[in-house]
Amino acid sequence: MYLRQTTSNLADGTKVKYLQLCHNHWDKDAGYSKTKVIYSFGREDQLDKKVLQRLVDSINKYLHPDEAQFKTDKIVNQLTLFLNLLKGMVVPML
């Protein structure tokens, strides 16, 4: 599973970005991988970071405490960098 960003053009020409939790699966009949959207987080500019944090917390329940904290820090850093890149203001992660 992974977070995917998609872009749509509105009728007025404005571009809107959306975030989705996706999973790829092999379609043997088609002979190629297809993407299934598991959950849509909605528009990037209206993103509720608490939803992503709840997802991370839920996943962490199944990890060893040391792994969980490492993974949480890594995910939060990656999401922060990702969101900053989207906004055009790159902030270095320490």
Protein backbone atom coordinates (compact mmCIF):
# COMPACT_ATOMS: atom_id res chain seq x y z
CA MET A 1 0.00 0.00 0.00
CA TYR A 2 1.06 3.54 -0.63
CA LEU A 3 -0.17 7.14 -0.71
CA ARG A 4 -0.93 8.40 -4.19
CA GLN A 5 -1.43 11.97 -5.32
CA THR A 6 -3.69 12.67 -8.28
CA THR A 7 -4.41 15.97 -10.00
CA SER A 8 -7.71 17.07 -11.51
CA ASN A 9 -8.54 20.15 -13.55
CA LEU A 10 -11.62 22.08 -12.49
CA ALA A 11 -13.91 23.77 -15.01
CA ASP A 12 -12.25 27.14 -14.28
CA GLY A 13 -8.79 25.71 -15.12
CA THR A 14 -7.66 25.39 -11.51
CA LYS A 15 -5.67 22.25 -10.67
CA VAL A 16 -6.72 20.38 -7.53
CA LYS A 17 -4.62 17.63 -5.91
CA TYR A 18 -6.10 14.64 -4.07
CA LEU A 19 -4.48 12.06 -1.76
CA GLN A 20 -5.49 8.41 -1.81
CA LEU A 21 -4.40 5.25 -0.03
CA CYS A 22 -3.89 2.69 -2.82
CA HIS A 23 -2.97 -0.92 -3.34
CA ASN A 24 -1.78 -2.61 -6.52
CA HIS A 25 -3.03 -6.08 -7.39
CA TRP A 26 -2.39 -8.35 -10.35
CA ASP A 27 -5.29 -8.82 -12.73
CA LYS A 28 -4.52 -12.17 -14.36
CA ASP A 29 -7.28 -11.75 -16.95
CA ALA A 30 -5.98 -8.36 -18.08
CA GLY A 31 -2.34 -9.42 -17.70
CA TYR A 32 -1.21 -6.35 -15.79
CA SER A 33 -1.30 -4.72 -12.38
CA LYS A 34 -4.28 -2.56 -11.46
CA THR A 35 -4.55 0.05 -8.73
CA LYS A 36 -7.36 -0.12 -6.21
CA VAL A 37 -8.16 2.95 -4.12
CA ILE A 38 -8.61 1.79 -0.54
CA TYR A 39 -9.40 5.21 0.92
CA SER A 40 -9.56 8.76 -0.39
CA PHE A 41 -8.26 11.45 1.97
CA GLY A 42 -9.79 14.15 -0.22
CA ARG A 43 -8.24 17.36 -1.44
CA GLU A 44 -4.63 17.98 -0.45
CA ASP A 45 -5.35 21.61 0.40
CA GLN A 46 -8.08 20.49 2.83
CA LEU A 47 -6.19 17.51 4.26
CA ASP A 48 -6.95 16.61 7.87
CA LYS A 49 -3.56 15.43 9.17
CA LYS A 50 -5.31 13.86 12.15
CA VAL A 51 -6.78 11.23 9.81
CA LEU A 52 -3.29 10.25 8.65
CA GLN A 53 -2.02 10.22 12.24
CA ARG A 54 -4.85 7.87 13.29
CA LEU A 55 -3.89 5.54 10.44
CA VAL A 56 -0.24 5.56 11.55
CA ASP A 57 -1.26 4.95 15.16
CA SER A 58 -3.47 2.06 14.12
CA ILE A 59 -0.64 0.43 12.16
CA ASN A 60 1.76 0.95 15.05
CA LYS A 61 -0.35 -1.29 17.30
CA TYR A 62 1.01 -4.26 15.36
CA LEU A 63 4.68 -3.28 15.40
CA HIS A 64 7.33 -3.73 18.07
CA PRO A 65 7.51 -0.48 20.13
CA ASP A 66 10.99 0.41 18.85
CA GLU A 67 9.97 -0.28 15.26
CA ALA A 68 6.73 1.59 15.73
CA GLN A 69 8.43 4.79 16.89
CA PHE A 70 11.01 4.57 14.11
CA LYS A 71 8.30 3.98 11.50
CA THR A 72 6.14 6.79 12.91
CA ASP A 73 9.02 9.27 12.84
CA LYS A 74 9.93 8.20 9.31
CA ILE A 75 6.32 8.43 8.05
CA VAL A 76 5.73 11.81 9.69
CA ASN A 77 9.00 13.14 8.20
CA GLN A 78 8.10 11.82 4.76
CA LEU A 79 4.56 13.21 4.90
CA THR A 80 5.84 16.60 6.10
CA LEU A 81 8.40 16.73 3.30
CA PHE A 82 5.76 15.57 0.79
CA LEU A 83 3.27 18.24 1.85
CA ASN A 84 5.97 20.94 1.83
CA LEU A 85 7.04 19.90 -1.65
CA LEU A 86 3.43 20.15 -2.79
CA LYS A 87 3.24 23.66 -1.42
CA GLY A 88 6.53 24.62 -3.10
CA MET A 89 8.33 25.38 0.16
CA VAL A 90 10.89 22.69 0.88
CA VAL A 91 11.85 22.60 4.56
CA PRO A 92 14.88 20.43 5.40
CA MET A 93 14.16 17.59 7.83
CA LEU A 94 16.57 17.32 10.76
